[in-house]
Amino acid sequence: MRENRCLCQPVTCHPYASSSVGGQFVFEISYRGRAVQIWPSPQVFDDEFRQQVRAWQDAPDSPGRQAYLAWKARKVAQILGLPEEKLLRAVMLPSQQA
């Protein structure tokens, strides 16, 4: 929790959200009794994405790591070029007002 505003819940999940190392990419945003879950498109954060990150993110410098960094730059360009509706999925959650 940061400044009583942000709560990290590592068990938050959604059946259509992409898997990540240690869980899923799912964000739940709540404000004034309303909440939404947002997750990246599984077509963007796919098996290749997870494999590349797992294998190379923290690897020492090598030709393989350099190839990963080039792949990562292309992936970033792809992500930045996508319209929001192709990048993210969202669902409104039931009202949380008491």
Protein backbone atom coordinates (compact mmCIF):
# COMPACT_ATOMS: atom_id res chain seq x y z
CA MET A 1 0.00 0.00 0.00
CA ARG A 2 1.34 3.44 -0.88
CA GLU A 3 -0.15 6.55 0.73
CA ASN A 4 -3.29 4.49 1.43
CA ARG A 5 -4.04 4.57 -2.31
CA CYS A 6 -2.48 1.54 -3.94
CA LEU A 7 -2.95 -2.03 -2.83
CA CYS A 8 -1.06 -4.90 -4.43
CA GLN A 9 -3.08 -8.11 -4.44
CA PRO A 10 -1.01 -10.85 -6.04
CA VAL A 11 -4.03 -13.18 -6.14
CA THR A 12 -6.13 -10.92 -8.38
CA CYS A 13 -6.91 -12.88 -11.52
CA HIS A 14 -9.19 -13.05 -14.53
CA PRO A 15 -9.85 -16.15 -16.65
CA TYR A 16 -8.84 -14.39 -19.89
CA ALA A 17 -5.77 -12.55 -18.61
CA SER A 18 -2.32 -13.51 -19.83
CA SER A 19 -0.10 -15.50 -17.54
CA SER A 20 3.09 -13.93 -16.30
CA VAL A 21 5.94 -15.16 -14.17
CA GLY A 22 4.34 -15.58 -10.76
CA GLY A 23 0.71 -14.90 -11.71
CA GLN A 24 -1.22 -12.87 -14.25
CA PHE A 25 -1.11 -9.39 -15.73
CA VAL A 26 -4.32 -8.07 -14.13
CA PHE A 27 -4.95 -4.59 -12.81
CA GLU A 28 -7.97 -3.72 -10.71
CA ILE A 29 -8.75 -0.05 -10.33
CA SER A 30 -11.37 1.14 -7.85
CA TYR A 31 -12.65 4.66 -7.31
CA ARG A 32 -15.67 5.84 -5.35
CA GLY A 33 -17.32 2.45 -5.22
CA ARG A 34 -16.74 1.61 -8.89
CA ALA A 35 -14.13 -0.86 -10.08
CA VAL A 36 -12.71 -2.16 -13.33
CA GLN A 37 -10.33 -5.02 -14.11
CA ILE A 38 -7.91 -4.39 -16.97
CA TRP A 39 -5.52 -6.88 -18.57
CA PRO A 40 -3.31 -6.85 -21.65
CA SER A 41 -4.36 -8.76 -24.74
CA PRO A 42 -3.13 -12.36 -24.73
CA GLN A 43 -2.16 -11.88 -28.39
CA VAL A 44 0.42 -9.30 -27.27
CA PHE A 45 1.67 -10.96 -24.09
CA ASP A 46 1.88 -14.48 -25.47
CA ASP A 47 4.03 -17.56 -24.87
CA GLU A 48 6.91 -16.07 -26.88
CA PHE A 49 6.84 -12.94 -24.69
CA ARG A 50 6.98 -14.98 -21.48
CA GLN A 51 9.72 -17.26 -22.81
CA GLN A 52 11.88 -14.36 -23.97
CA VAL A 53 11.55 -12.46 -20.68
CA ARG A 54 12.14 -15.57 -18.58
CA ALA A 55 15.24 -16.55 -20.55
CA TRP A 56 16.90 -13.21 -21.21
CA GLN A 57 15.65 -10.35 -19.00
CA ASP A 58 18.32 -10.83 -16.32
CA ALA A 59 20.88 -12.71 -18.43
CA PRO A 60 24.47 -11.45 -18.71
CA ASP A 61 25.55 -9.75 -21.91
CA SER A 62 25.93 -12.20 -24.78
CA PRO A 63 24.89 -12.51 -28.43
CA GLY A 64 21.65 -14.14 -27.21
CA ARG A 65 20.93 -11.25 -24.87
CA GLN A 66 21.65 -8.76 -27.65
CA ALA A 67 19.16 -10.61 -29.88
CA TYR A 68 16.64 -10.43 -27.02
CA LEU A 69 17.15 -6.67 -26.67
CA ALA A 70 16.51 -6.26 -30.41
CA TRP A 71 13.37 -8.42 -30.09
CA LYS A 72 12.30 -6.36 -27.06
CA ALA A 73 12.68 -3.10 -29.02
CA ARG A 74 10.45 -4.52 -31.78
CA LYS A 75 7.90 -5.67 -29.17
CA VAL A 76 7.84 -2.21 -27.57
CA ALA A 77 7.27 -0.63 -30.99
CA GLN A 78 4.42 -3.09 -31.62
CA ILE A 79 2.82 -2.30 -28.25
CA LEU A 80 3.14 1.47 -28.68
CA GLY A 81 1.62 1.23 -32.16
CA LEU A 82 -1.47 -0.73 -31.16
CA PRO A 83 -4.79 1.00 -30.63
CA GLU A 84 -5.99 0.73 -27.04
CA GLU A 85 -8.81 -1.68 -27.92
CA LYS A 86 -6.29 -4.18 -29.33
CA LEU A 87 -3.86 -3.78 -26.44
CA LEU A 88 -6.12 -3.94 -23.39
CA ARG A 89 -9.24 -5.81 -22.30
CA ALA A 90 -11.48 -4.57 -19.49
CA VAL A 91 -14.56 -5.50 -17.52
CA MET A 92 -16.51 -3.42 -15.02
CA LEU A 93 -16.89 -5.13 -11.65
CA PRO A 94 -20.06 -5.10 -9.56
CA SER A 95 -20.59 -1.95 -7.51
CA GLN A 96 -18.66 -1.89 -4.25
CA GLN A 97 -20.80 0.73 -2.53
CA ALA A 98 -22.27 -0.26 0.82
